[in-house]
Amino acid sequence: MVTYALDASALLRFIDKEAGAEQVRVILQGLVSGKHRVLVCALHWGEVAGNLYRKKGLEVQQQVMDRFSYIGLEFISATPDRAIRAAILKADLKIPYADAFGIELALNVPCTFVTADYDLKPAAHRAEILFLPKK
């Protein structure tokens, strides 16, 4: 079984049918068929919720979030230990803090981290990252 971790940008690309949406769709289909395990850090999940709420309102936000939950995404908590490891990654790699949680996840639960955030290029030598195409 292949394990992926999706960040907010990957989920939002899928939702908005933007560049890379097809790659995310294939990953999610693998989850539904039992070929993939798909993780989402709680911080990234919150970013998706906030984006949907801001752009489409509470009802649509809840519907979309419920659909994602239904297919079996695994949500990973932002524990104090994870927060410290992410802070160290942020400092060492000079990447955004929320994104550092995704890299921390990829390092501690071996998986491919899927993102459209090219600010994470400095982390590419530390973790397996699948960068979605630029818009």
Protein backbone atom coordinates (compact mmCIF):
# COMPACT_ATOMS: atom_id res chain seq x y z
CA MET A 1 0.00 0.00 0.00
CA VAL A 2 1.30 3.43 -0.96
CA THR A 3 0.91 6.23 1.58
CA TYR A 4 0.40 9.87 0.63
CA ALA A 5 -0.03 13.01 2.70
CA LEU A 6 -1.98 15.82 1.07
CA ASP A 7 -1.59 19.43 2.08
CA ALA A 8 -4.18 22.17 1.75
CA SER A 9 -2.92 23.26 -1.66
CA ALA A 10 -3.32 19.73 -3.06
CA LEU A 11 -6.86 19.39 -1.73
CA LEU A 12 -7.81 22.85 -2.96
CA ARG A 13 -6.38 22.13 -6.42
CA PHE A 14 -8.65 19.07 -6.54
CA ILE A 15 -11.71 20.96 -5.29
CA ASP A 16 -11.16 23.86 -7.70
CA LYS A 17 -10.24 21.58 -10.64
CA GLU A 18 -6.94 23.37 -11.12
CA ALA A 19 -3.55 22.12 -12.30
CA GLY A 20 -2.75 18.83 -10.58
CA ALA A 21 -6.39 17.98 -9.81
CA GLU A 22 -6.14 14.80 -11.88
CA GLN A 23 -3.11 13.58 -9.90
CA VAL A 24 -4.97 14.16 -6.63
CA ARG A 25 -8.05 12.42 -8.06
CA VAL A 26 -5.96 9.32 -8.84
CA ILE A 27 -4.58 9.32 -5.29
CA LEU A 28 -8.07 9.63 -3.82
CA GLN A 29 -9.38 6.86 -6.09
CA GLY A 30 -6.56 4.69 -4.77
CA LEU A 31 -7.75 5.45 -1.25
CA VAL A 32 -11.31 4.41 -2.09
CA SER A 33 -10.12 1.20 -3.78
CA GLY A 34 -7.81 0.30 -0.88
CA LYS A 35 -4.54 0.79 -2.77
CA HIS A 36 -3.55 4.00 -1.00
CA ARG A 37 -3.49 5.37 2.49
CA VAL A 38 -4.06 9.13 2.49
CA LEU A 39 -3.15 11.38 5.41
CA VAL A 40 -3.95 15.02 6.08
CA CYS A 41 -2.41 17.06 8.89
CA ALA A 42 -5.02 18.83 11.02
CA LEU A 43 -3.44 22.21 10.20
CA HIS A 44 -3.89 21.62 6.46
CA TRP A 45 -7.44 20.39 7.02
CA GLY A 46 -8.17 23.65 8.82
CA GLU A 47 -6.71 25.66 5.95
CA VAL A 48 -9.05 23.88 3.51
CA ALA A 49 -12.03 24.52 5.79
CA GLY A 50 -11.20 28.21 6.08
CA ASN A 51 -10.69 28.62 2.35
CA LEU A 52 -13.97 26.90 1.52
CA TYR A 53 -15.85 28.88 4.16
CA ARG A 54 -14.46 32.18 2.87
CA LYS A 55 -15.13 31.43 -0.81
CA LYS A 56 -18.32 29.34 -0.72
CA GLY A 57 -19.94 29.69 2.67
CA LEU A 58 -20.61 27.36 5.59
CA GLU A 59 -23.03 24.97 3.89
CA VAL A 60 -20.73 24.17 0.96
CA GLN A 61 -17.74 24.00 3.29
CA GLN A 62 -19.47 21.39 5.44
CA GLN A 63 -20.63 19.35 2.44
CA VAL A 64 -17.17 19.19 0.90
CA MET A 65 -15.45 18.41 4.20
CA ASP A 66 -17.99 15.65 4.93
CA ARG A 67 -17.36 14.05 1.52
CA PHE A 68 -13.62 13.99 2.12
CA SER A 69 -14.10 12.51 5.59
CA TYR A 70 -16.45 9.86 4.22
CA ILE A 71 -13.89 8.43 1.77
CA GLY A 72 -11.47 7.61 4.57
CA LEU A 73 -8.86 10.33 4.82
CA GLU A 74 -6.79 9.91 7.98
CA PHE A 75 -6.36 13.09 9.98
CA ILE A 76 -3.12 13.54 11.86
CA SER A 77 -3.19 15.75 14.94
CA ALA A 78 -0.77 18.58 15.51
CA THR A 79 0.65 17.29 18.79
CA PRO A 80 3.16 19.23 20.89
CA ASP A 81 5.98 16.93 19.71
CA ARG A 82 5.00 17.37 16.07
CA ALA A 83 4.84 21.13 16.59
CA ILE A 84 8.41 21.18 17.91
CA ARG A 85 9.71 19.00 15.07
CA ALA A 86 7.90 21.24 12.55
CA ALA A 87 9.39 24.35 14.16
CA ILE A 88 12.88 22.89 13.79
CA LEU A 89 12.20 22.03 10.13
CA LYS A 90 10.89 25.56 9.56
CA ALA A 91 14.05 27.06 11.03
CA ASP A 92 16.47 24.69 9.32
CA LEU A 93 14.84 24.76 5.87
CA LYS A 94 13.38 28.28 5.96
CA ILE A 95 9.91 27.08 4.96
CA PRO A 96 6.49 28.23 6.18
CA TYR A 97 5.47 26.76 9.54
CA ALA A 98 2.20 25.16 8.38
CA ASP A 99 4.04 23.52 5.49
CA ALA A 100 6.68 22.24 7.88
CA PHE A 101 3.95 20.08 9.46
CA GLY A 102 3.56 18.30 6.12
CA ILE A 103 7.28 17.66 5.85
CA GLU A 104 7.36 16.47 9.46
CA LEU A 105 4.55 14.06 8.60
CA ALA A 106 6.36 12.77 5.52
CA LEU A 107 9.48 12.13 7.58
CA ASN A 108 7.83 10.47 10.55
CA VAL A 109 5.15 8.43 8.77
CA PRO A 110 7.01 7.47 5.62
CA CYS A 111 4.90 8.78 2.77
CA THR A 112 4.91 10.97 -0.29
CA PHE A 113 3.91 14.53 0.54
CA VAL A 114 1.72 16.05 -2.18
CA THR A 115 1.71 19.82 -2.56
CA ALA A 116 1.40 22.68 -5.00
CA ASP A 117 3.51 24.87 -2.72
CA TYR A 118 6.88 25.48 -4.33
CA ASP A 119 8.10 27.17 -1.13
CA LEU A 120 8.86 23.59 -0.09
CA LYS A 121 11.62 23.09 -2.66
CA PRO A 122 14.26 23.42 0.10
CA ALA A 123 12.74 20.33 1.76
CA ALA A 124 12.91 18.14 -1.35
CA HIS A 125 16.25 16.65 -0.26
CA ARG A 126 14.80 15.63 3.13
CA ALA A 127 11.41 14.12 2.23
CA GLU A 128 9.69 12.57 -0.75
CA ILE A 129 7.59 15.34 -2.26
CA LEU A 130 5.28 15.23 -5.26
CA PHE A 131 4.95 18.79 -6.54
CA LEU A 132 1.75 19.41 -8.47
CA PRO A 133 2.09 21.43 -11.68
CA LYS A 134 2.19 25.19 -11.49
CA LYS A 135 -0.99 27.02 -12.48
